[in-house]
Amino acid sequence: MTYTVAAALGLAGALLLDLVVLRTRLVLRRVFWVAYPIIVVFQLIFNGILTRRGVVRYDPDAIVGLRVASAPVEDLVFGFTLVLISLSLWIWWEGYGAPSGSAGGRTVRPPRPPRS
């Protein structure tokens, strides 16, 4: 499997998770798209550093060939996928639509204070 195919499958899975399974629908929210460029800037900086210094190398046969900040465009897709899955799960676990004091249907208890 090429990196391109893996990135595309990951993206499809993340969108399915966000829109259908968890129904958090982050990709339909303006706030997501306003905040996402902040993440992309740092992703490009660090991808650029890692690929320019040769820390990370890609097989030319496994990628499309288009690069942004010296990293393959697939890295942007993969990064988007990771961010979307993480935020979708975060919102869902934080009780998106759940009663106060619960997370994902489980009751949350505050930690006990240490004994003196």
C-alpha atoms as a PDB file:
ATOM      1  CA  MET A   1       0.000   0.000   0.000  1.00  0.00           C
ATOM      2  CA  THR A   2       1.357   3.421  -0.902  1.00  0.00           C
ATOM      3  CA  TYR A   3       1.488   6.351   1.477  1.00  0.00           C
ATOM      4  CA  THR A   4      -1.028   8.093  -0.781  1.00  0.00           C
ATOM      5  CA  VAL A   5      -3.554   5.255  -0.460  1.00  0.00           C
ATOM      6  CA  ALA A   6      -3.010   5.037   3.310  1.00  0.00           C
ATOM      7  CA  ALA A   7      -3.572   8.798   3.664  1.00  0.00           C
ATOM      8  CA  ALA A   8      -6.747   8.650   1.537  1.00  0.00           C
ATOM      9  CA  LEU A   9      -8.147   5.711   3.513  1.00  0.00           C
ATOM     10  CA  GLY A  10      -7.311   7.450   6.780  1.00  0.00           C
ATOM     11  CA  LEU A  11      -9.055  10.613   5.613  1.00  0.00           C
ATOM     12  CA  ALA A  12     -12.168   8.683   4.569  1.00  0.00           C
ATOM     13  CA  GLY A  13     -12.214   6.894   7.928  1.00  0.00           C
ATOM     14  CA  ALA A  14     -11.793  10.133   9.884  1.00  0.00           C
ATOM     15  CA  LEU A  15     -14.609  11.834   7.985  1.00  0.00           C
ATOM     16  CA  LEU A  16     -16.849   8.801   8.510  1.00  0.00           C
ATOM     17  CA  LEU A  17     -16.049   8.821  12.234  1.00  0.00           C
ATOM     18  CA  ASP A  18     -16.726  12.562  12.552  1.00  0.00           C
ATOM     19  CA  LEU A  19     -19.874  12.784  10.439  1.00  0.00           C
ATOM     20  CA  VAL A  20     -21.587   9.406  10.832  1.00  0.00           C
ATOM     21  CA  VAL A  21     -20.291   7.395  13.794  1.00  0.00           C
ATOM     22  CA  LEU A  22     -19.755  10.017  16.507  1.00  0.00           C
ATOM     23  CA  ARG A  23     -21.828  12.723  14.809  1.00  0.00           C
ATOM     24  CA  THR A  24     -19.637  15.491  16.203  1.00  0.00           C
ATOM     25  CA  ARG A  25     -19.624  17.093  12.731  1.00  0.00           C
ATOM     26  CA  LEU A  26     -16.484  19.138  13.308  1.00  0.00           C
ATOM     27  CA  VAL A  27     -15.774  19.533   9.599  1.00  0.00           C
ATOM     28  CA  LEU A  28     -19.101  21.326   9.236  1.00  0.00           C
ATOM     29  CA  ARG A  29     -18.240  23.904  11.899  1.00  0.00           C
ATOM     30  CA  ARG A  30     -16.693  27.242  11.031  1.00  0.00           C
ATOM     31  CA  VAL A  31     -14.674  27.297  14.260  1.00  0.00           C
ATOM     32  CA  PHE A  32     -12.831  24.139  13.197  1.00  0.00           C
ATOM     33  CA  TRP A  33     -11.742  25.671   9.890  1.00  0.00           C
ATOM     34  CA  VAL A  34     -10.741  28.934  11.561  1.00  0.00           C
ATOM     35  CA  ALA A  35      -8.536  27.125  14.103  1.00  0.00           C
ATOM     36  CA  TYR A  36      -7.093  24.437  11.821  1.00  0.00           C
ATOM     37  CA  PRO A  37      -4.591  26.721  10.009  1.00  0.00           C
ATOM     38  CA  ILE A  38      -2.761  27.228  13.314  1.00  0.00           C
ATOM     39  CA  ILE A  39      -2.050  23.505  13.425  1.00  0.00           C
ATOM     40  CA  VAL A  40      -1.063  23.378   9.750  1.00  0.00           C
ATOM     41  CA  VAL A  41       1.539  26.127  10.212  1.00  0.00           C
ATOM     42  CA  PHE A  42       3.340  24.164  12.915  1.00  0.00           C
ATOM     43  CA  GLN A  43       2.962  20.911  10.996  1.00  0.00           C
ATOM     44  CA  LEU A  44       4.630  22.490   7.956  1.00  0.00           C
ATOM     45  CA  ILE A  45       7.454  23.939  10.047  1.00  0.00           C
ATOM     46  CA  PHE A  46       8.303  20.630  11.678  1.00  0.00           C
ATOM     47  CA  ASN A  47       7.725  18.521   8.555  1.00  0.00           C
ATOM     48  CA  GLY A  48      10.029  20.886   6.687  1.00  0.00           C
ATOM     49  CA  ILE A  49      12.760  20.573   9.312  1.00  0.00           C
ATOM     50  CA  LEU A  50      12.535  16.783   9.460  1.00  0.00           C
ATOM     51  CA  THR A  51      12.512  16.225   5.714  1.00  0.00           C
ATOM     52  CA  ARG A  52      15.182  18.841   4.860  1.00  0.00           C
ATOM     53  CA  ARG A  53      17.592  17.354   7.379  1.00  0.00           C
ATOM     54  CA  GLY A  54      16.939  13.842   6.088  1.00  0.00           C
ATOM     55  CA  VAL A  55      15.526  12.590   9.379  1.00  0.00           C
ATOM     56  CA  VAL A  56      12.450  11.388   7.488  1.00  0.00           C
ATOM     57  CA  ARG A  57      12.690  10.096   3.935  1.00  0.00           C
ATOM     58  CA  TYR A  58       9.973   8.936   1.580  1.00  0.00           C
ATOM     59  CA  ASP A  59      10.090   6.387  -1.208  1.00  0.00           C
ATOM     60  CA  PRO A  60       9.328   8.374  -4.380  1.00  0.00           C
ATOM     61  CA  ASP A  61       7.244   5.440  -5.662  1.00  0.00           C
ATOM     62  CA  ALA A  62       4.962   5.563  -2.591  1.00  0.00           C
ATOM     63  CA  ILE A  63       3.958   9.238  -2.826  1.00  0.00           C
ATOM     64  CA  VAL A  64       2.336  11.493  -5.428  1.00  0.00           C
ATOM     65  CA  GLY A  65       5.420  13.700  -5.597  1.00  0.00           C
ATOM     66  CA  LEU A  66       3.857  17.073  -4.753  1.00  0.00           C
ATOM     67  CA  ARG A  67       5.659  18.590  -1.770  1.00  0.00           C
ATOM     68  CA  VAL A  68       4.829  21.434   0.628  1.00  0.00           C
ATOM     69  CA  ALA A  69       7.699  22.744   2.794  1.00  0.00           C
ATOM     70  CA  SER A  70       9.745  19.803   1.447  1.00  0.00           C
ATOM     71  CA  ALA A  71       7.307  17.235   2.896  1.00  0.00           C
ATOM     72  CA  PRO A  72       4.920  15.187   0.737  1.00  0.00           C
ATOM     73  CA  VAL A  73       1.381  16.519   0.446  1.00  0.00           C
ATOM     74  CA  GLU A  74       0.221  13.203   1.919  1.00  0.00           C
ATOM     75  CA  ASP A  75       1.652  14.382   5.247  1.00  0.00           C
ATOM     76  CA  LEU A  76      -0.890  17.211   5.305  1.00  0.00           C
ATOM     77  CA  VAL A  77      -3.695  14.715   4.702  1.00  0.00           C
ATOM     78  CA  PHE A  78      -2.334  12.390   7.375  1.00  0.00           C
ATOM     79  CA  GLY A  79      -1.974  15.280   9.845  1.00  0.00           C
ATOM     80  CA  PHE A  80      -5.514  16.457   9.138  1.00  0.00           C
ATOM     81  CA  THR A  81      -6.740  12.919   9.757  1.00  0.00           C
ATOM     82  CA  LEU A  82      -4.979  12.698  13.119  1.00  0.00           C
ATOM     83  CA  VAL A  83      -6.282  16.094  14.242  1.00  0.00           C
ATOM     84  CA  LEU A  84      -9.848  15.356  13.153  1.00  0.00           C
ATOM     85  CA  ILE A  85      -9.944  11.963  14.876  1.00  0.00           C
ATOM     86  CA  SER A  86      -8.400  13.372  18.066  1.00  0.00           C
ATOM     87  CA  LEU A  87     -10.775  16.323  18.283  1.00  0.00           C
ATOM     88  CA  SER A  88     -13.831  14.262  17.349  1.00  0.00           C
ATOM     89  CA  LEU A  89     -13.084  11.752  20.102  1.00  0.00           C
ATOM     90  CA  TRP A  90     -12.289  14.546  22.568  1.00  0.00           C
ATOM     91  CA  ILE A  91     -15.638  16.237  21.990  1.00  0.00           C
ATOM     92  CA  TRP A  92     -17.510  12.944  22.062  1.00  0.00           C
ATOM     93  CA  TRP A  93     -15.806  11.800  25.273  1.00  0.00           C
ATOM     94  CA  GLU A  94     -16.307  15.151  26.935  1.00  0.00           C
ATOM     95  CA  GLY A  95     -19.985  14.449  26.824  1.00  0.00           C
ATOM     96  CA  TYR A  96     -21.067  16.084  23.591  1.00  0.00           C
ATOM     97  CA  GLY A  97     -24.773  16.234  24.335  1.00  0.00           C
ATOM     98  CA  ALA A  98     -24.315  14.147  27.504  1.00  0.00           C
ATOM     99  CA  PRO A  99     -25.520  15.228  30.932  1.00  0.00           C
ATOM    100  CA  SER A 100     -23.173  17.191  33.167  1.00  0.00           C
ATOM    101  CA  GLY A 101     -20.731  15.029  35.107  1.00  0.00           C
ATOM    102  CA  SER A 102     -20.457  12.344  32.457  1.00  0.00           C
ATOM    103  CA  ALA A 103     -18.091  11.600  29.625  1.00  0.00           C
ATOM    104  CA  GLY A 104     -19.173   9.265  26.882  1.00  0.00           C
ATOM    105  CA  GLY A 105     -21.939   7.895  29.071  1.00  0.00           C
ATOM    106  CA  ARG A 106     -19.655   7.169  32.058  1.00  0.00           C
ATOM    107  CA  THR A 107     -19.886   9.006  35.354  1.00  0.00           C
ATOM    108  CA  VAL A 108     -16.808  11.055  36.088  1.00  0.00           C
ATOM    109  CA  ARG A 109     -15.663  11.275  39.681  1.00  0.00           C
ATOM    110  CA  PRO A 110     -13.211  13.925  40.833  1.00  0.00           C
ATOM    111  CA  PRO A 111      -9.903  12.634  42.213  1.00  0.00           C
ATOM    112  CA  ARG A 112      -9.671  12.228  45.967  1.00  0.00           C
ATOM    113  CA  PRO A 113      -7.469  14.750  47.775  1.00  0.00           C
ATOM    114  CA  PRO A 114      -4.261  13.328  49.248  1.00  0.00           C
ATOM    115  CA  ARG A 115      -4.371  12.298  52.884  1.00  0.00           C
ATOM    116  CA  SER A 116      -2.462  14.469  55.321  1.00  0.00           C
END
